[in-house]
Amino acid sequence: MERKKKAQPYTETFRKEAVRRADLPGNSNRSVAAELGISAQQIYNWRRQFSRLTDKQFSRVNGVQFKTDDSEEIKRLKRQLTDLKEENEFLKKASAYFAKNQG
């Protein structure tokens, strides 16, 4: 069995500098990635991560402002909602099956 290569950890400073350099005029994610020996996709990922909320930022969803702490709660609740929907679908199918077989 072949082992996957463990991702090399990069410091936050390194990641921010890579994103900053890729954003400079005349540079691209691909060119900066080649210089640094990383994939261009990694720079896209880091940019997306840095554009997310920080502790001091706010986000507006449907006209309501949320802090980062709130967004973690929203993620948890969305996961819980998905789980409950799946359980509900299963129960609907099970009750239909048993109702069909009772009569």
Protein backbone atom coordinates (compact mmCIF):
# COMPACT_ATOMS: atom_id res chain seq x y z
CA MET A 1 0.00 0.00 0.00
CA GLU A 2 1.38 3.37 -1.01
CA ARG A 3 1.55 6.07 1.67
CA LYS A 4 0.34 9.53 0.86
CA LYS A 5 2.88 12.29 1.10
CA LYS A 6 2.15 14.38 4.19
CA ALA A 7 1.42 18.02 3.38
CA GLN A 8 4.26 20.31 4.26
CA PRO A 9 3.17 22.90 6.81
CA TYR A 10 3.73 26.47 5.71
CA THR A 11 3.83 29.41 8.06
CA GLU A 12 1.07 31.99 7.90
CA THR A 13 3.66 34.58 6.89
CA PHE A 14 4.79 32.42 3.96
CA ARG A 15 1.19 31.85 2.83
CA LYS A 16 0.28 35.55 3.08
CA GLU A 17 3.41 36.55 1.19
CA ALA A 18 2.63 34.05 -1.58
CA VAL A 19 -0.90 35.43 -1.95
CA ARG A 20 0.38 39.03 -1.83
CA ARG A 21 2.98 38.34 -4.54
CA ALA A 22 0.42 36.61 -6.74
CA ASP A 23 -1.84 39.67 -6.45
CA LEU A 24 0.87 42.04 -7.70
CA PRO A 25 0.48 43.37 -11.26
CA GLY A 26 2.26 41.18 -13.78
CA ASN A 27 2.24 38.12 -11.51
CA SER A 28 -0.09 35.16 -11.54
CA ASN A 29 -0.78 32.32 -9.15
CA ARG A 30 1.01 29.97 -11.54
CA SER A 31 4.18 32.08 -11.82
CA VAL A 32 4.48 32.67 -8.07
CA ALA A 33 3.72 29.01 -7.36
CA ALA A 34 6.49 27.93 -9.74
CA GLU A 35 8.96 30.26 -8.02
CA LEU A 36 8.03 28.91 -4.58
CA GLY A 37 7.79 25.26 -5.58
CA ILE A 38 4.11 24.88 -4.68
CA SER A 39 0.95 24.36 -6.70
CA ALA A 40 -1.06 27.28 -8.05
CA GLN A 41 -4.15 25.71 -6.50
CA GLN A 42 -2.56 26.14 -3.07
CA ILE A 43 -2.38 29.90 -3.59
CA TYR A 44 -6.06 29.93 -4.60
CA ASN A 45 -6.87 27.99 -1.41
CA TRP A 46 -4.86 30.32 0.79
CA ARG A 47 -6.45 33.40 -0.79
CA ARG A 48 -9.89 31.95 -0.10
CA GLN A 49 -8.91 31.18 3.51
CA PHE A 50 -7.60 34.69 4.11
CA SER A 51 -10.71 36.26 2.61
CA ARG A 52 -12.90 34.51 5.18
CA LEU A 53 -13.82 36.13 8.44
CA THR A 54 -11.25 37.04 11.04
CA ASP A 55 -12.08 37.61 14.69
CA LYS A 56 -12.55 41.34 14.16
CA GLN A 57 -14.59 41.21 10.94
CA PHE A 58 -18.30 40.91 10.42
CA SER A 59 -20.32 39.20 7.76
CA ARG A 60 -23.79 40.07 6.59
CA VAL A 61 -26.25 37.30 5.70
CA ASN A 62 -29.77 38.25 4.64
CA GLY A 63 -29.37 41.65 6.24
CA VAL A 64 -28.18 40.24 9.61
CA GLN A 65 -24.62 40.72 10.81
CA PHE A 66 -22.74 37.77 12.25
CA LYS A 67 -19.41 37.55 14.04
CA THR A 68 -17.00 34.67 13.44
CA ASP A 69 -18.28 32.91 16.57
CA ASP A 70 -21.78 33.07 15.11
CA SER A 71 -20.62 31.60 11.81
CA GLU A 72 -19.22 28.55 13.63
CA GLU A 73 -22.61 28.09 15.29
CA ILE A 74 -24.32 28.44 11.90
CA LYS A 75 -22.06 25.73 10.44
CA ARG A 76 -22.86 23.41 13.36
CA LEU A 77 -26.57 24.03 13.00
CA LYS A 78 -26.46 23.42 9.25
CA ARG A 79 -24.75 20.06 9.83
CA GLN A 80 -27.36 19.21 12.44
CA LEU A 81 -30.17 20.22 10.08
CA THR A 82 -28.77 17.99 7.33
CA ASP A 83 -28.57 15.04 9.73
CA LEU A 84 -32.14 15.60 10.91
CA LYS A 85 -33.43 15.83 7.34
CA GLU A 86 -31.78 12.50 6.52
CA GLU A 87 -33.28 10.91 9.62
CA ASN A 88 -36.69 12.34 8.74
CA GLU A 89 -36.51 10.89 5.21
CA PHE A 90 -35.59 7.49 6.62
CA LEU A 91 -38.49 7.59 9.08
CA LYS A 92 -40.92 8.55 6.31
CA LYS A 93 -39.79 5.59 4.22
CA ALA A 94 -39.90 3.22 7.20
CA SER A 95 -43.39 4.33 8.24
CA ALA A 96 -44.65 3.94 4.66
CA TYR A 97 -43.15 0.45 4.51
CA PHE A 98 -44.73 -0.65 7.79
CA ALA A 99 -48.09 0.94 6.95
CA LYS A 100 -48.09 -0.93 3.63
CA ASN A 101 -47.27 -4.26 5.27
CA GLN A 102 -49.85 -3.91 8.09
CA GLY A 103 -52.92 -3.92 5.93
